[in-house]
């Protein structure tokens, strides 16, 4: 059985959005910069890790195929 939805006026919708936005706990600038720094560090760590994995796999494939230069 389909549920009927009650329509809300655009003004009421905007009021509800503002009301819900006021409930959000926004991060402080310090929390934002700390989180951004942590993300940057993790991206660098993962980049180095995958560079190493790529190097090892490339060397292994070249060794198996006998393509050593």
C-alpha atoms as a PDB file:
ATOM      1  CA  UNK A   1       0.000   0.000   0.000  1.00  0.00           C
ATOM      2  CA  UNK A   2       1.475   3.329  -1.076  1.00  0.00           C
ATOM      3  CA  UNK A   3       2.046   5.946   1.575  1.00  0.00           C
ATOM      4  CA  UNK A   4       0.646   9.354   0.706  1.00  0.00           C
ATOM      5  CA  UNK A   5       2.966  12.251   1.414  1.00  0.00           C
ATOM      6  CA  UNK A   6       1.746  15.604   2.634  1.00  0.00           C
ATOM      7  CA  UNK A   7       3.148  18.499   0.646  1.00  0.00           C
ATOM      8  CA  UNK A   8       5.047  21.212   2.447  1.00  0.00           C
ATOM      9  CA  UNK A   9       5.206  24.789   1.220  1.00  0.00           C
ATOM     10  CA  UNK A  10       8.625  26.096   0.133  1.00  0.00           C
ATOM     11  CA  UNK A  11       8.678  28.532   3.065  1.00  0.00           C
ATOM     12  CA  UNK A  12       7.961  25.736   5.556  1.00  0.00           C
ATOM     13  CA  UNK A  13      10.640  23.584   3.920  1.00  0.00           C
ATOM     14  CA  UNK A  14      13.256  26.333   4.312  1.00  0.00           C
ATOM     15  CA  UNK A  15      12.238  26.822   7.948  1.00  0.00           C
ATOM     16  CA  UNK A  16      12.613  23.093   8.622  1.00  0.00           C
ATOM     17  CA  UNK A  17      16.012  23.012   6.907  1.00  0.00           C
ATOM     18  CA  UNK A  18      17.247  25.907   9.051  1.00  0.00           C
ATOM     19  CA  UNK A  19      15.884  24.203  12.155  1.00  0.00           C
ATOM     20  CA  UNK A  20      17.734  20.973  11.341  1.00  0.00           C
ATOM     21  CA  UNK A  21      20.910  22.876  10.422  1.00  0.00           C
ATOM     22  CA  UNK A  22      20.894  24.507  13.851  1.00  0.00           C
ATOM     23  CA  UNK A  23      21.043  21.034  15.449  1.00  0.00           C
ATOM     24  CA  UNK A  24      24.286  20.152  13.670  1.00  0.00           C
ATOM     25  CA  UNK A  25      27.462  20.243  15.738  1.00  0.00           C
ATOM     26  CA  UNK A  26      29.917  22.022  13.459  1.00  0.00           C
ATOM     27  CA  UNK A  27      33.659  21.371  13.895  1.00  0.00           C
ATOM     28  CA  UNK A  28      35.892  24.135  15.162  1.00  0.00           C
ATOM     29  CA  UNK A  29      38.586  25.536  12.852  1.00  0.00           C
ATOM     30  CA  UNK A  30      41.206  23.675  14.918  1.00  0.00           C
ATOM     31  CA  UNK A  31      39.341  20.360  14.520  1.00  0.00           C
ATOM     32  CA  UNK A  32      38.997  20.978  10.787  1.00  0.00           C
ATOM     33  CA  UNK A  33      42.699  21.721  10.300  1.00  0.00           C
ATOM     34  CA  UNK A  34      43.735  18.756  12.467  1.00  0.00           C
ATOM     35  CA  UNK A  35      41.498  16.424  10.481  1.00  0.00           C
ATOM     36  CA  UNK A  36      42.772  17.821   7.170  1.00  0.00           C
ATOM     37  CA  UNK A  37      46.378  17.288   8.309  1.00  0.00           C
ATOM     38  CA  UNK A  38      45.604  13.704   9.356  1.00  0.00           C
ATOM     39  CA  UNK A  39      44.008  13.011   5.967  1.00  0.00           C
ATOM     40  CA  UNK A  40      47.043  14.470   4.172  1.00  0.00           C
ATOM     41  CA  UNK A  41      49.434  12.319   6.227  1.00  0.00           C
ATOM     42  CA  UNK A  42      47.386   9.170   5.588  1.00  0.00           C
ATOM     43  CA  UNK A  43      47.286   9.908   1.842  1.00  0.00           C
ATOM     44  CA  UNK A  44      51.075  10.257   1.811  1.00  0.00           C
ATOM     45  CA  UNK A  45      51.521   6.996   3.752  1.00  0.00           C
ATOM     46  CA  UNK A  46      49.197   5.148   1.379  1.00  0.00           C
ATOM     47  CA  UNK A  47      50.934   6.648  -1.664  1.00  0.00           C
ATOM     48  CA  UNK A  48      54.328   5.400  -0.433  1.00  0.00           C
ATOM     49  CA  UNK A  49      52.824   1.990   0.365  1.00  0.00           C
ATOM     50  CA  UNK A  50      51.293   1.572  -3.087  1.00  0.00           C
ATOM     51  CA  UNK A  51      54.491   2.845  -4.716  1.00  0.00           C
ATOM     52  CA  UNK A  52      56.341   0.053  -2.922  1.00  0.00           C
ATOM     53  CA  UNK A  53      53.745  -2.559  -3.871  1.00  0.00           C
ATOM     54  CA  UNK A  54      53.884  -1.408  -7.492  1.00  0.00           C
ATOM     55  CA  UNK A  55      57.688  -1.575  -7.497  1.00  0.00           C
ATOM     56  CA  UNK A  56      57.723  -5.114  -6.066  1.00  0.00           C
ATOM     57  CA  UNK A  57      55.025  -6.391  -8.429  1.00  0.00           C
ATOM     58  CA  UNK A  58      56.715  -4.761 -11.422  1.00  0.00           C
ATOM     59  CA  UNK A  59      60.053  -6.339 -10.504  1.00  0.00           C
ATOM     60  CA  UNK A  60      58.370  -9.726 -10.013  1.00  0.00           C
ATOM     61  CA  UNK A  61      56.590  -9.622 -13.373  1.00  0.00           C
ATOM     62  CA  UNK A  62      59.765  -8.523 -15.166  1.00  0.00           C
ATOM     63  CA  UNK A  63      61.708 -11.341 -13.486  1.00  0.00           C
ATOM     64  CA  UNK A  64      59.040 -13.945 -14.431  1.00  0.00           C
ATOM     65  CA  UNK A  65      58.923 -12.748 -18.040  1.00  0.00           C
ATOM     66  CA  UNK A  66      62.686 -12.390 -18.282  1.00  0.00           C
ATOM     67  CA  UNK A  67      62.496  -8.746 -19.336  1.00  0.00           C
ATOM     68  CA  UNK A  68      65.385  -7.570 -17.224  1.00  0.00           C
ATOM     69  CA  UNK A  69      67.065  -4.656 -18.955  1.00  0.00           C
END
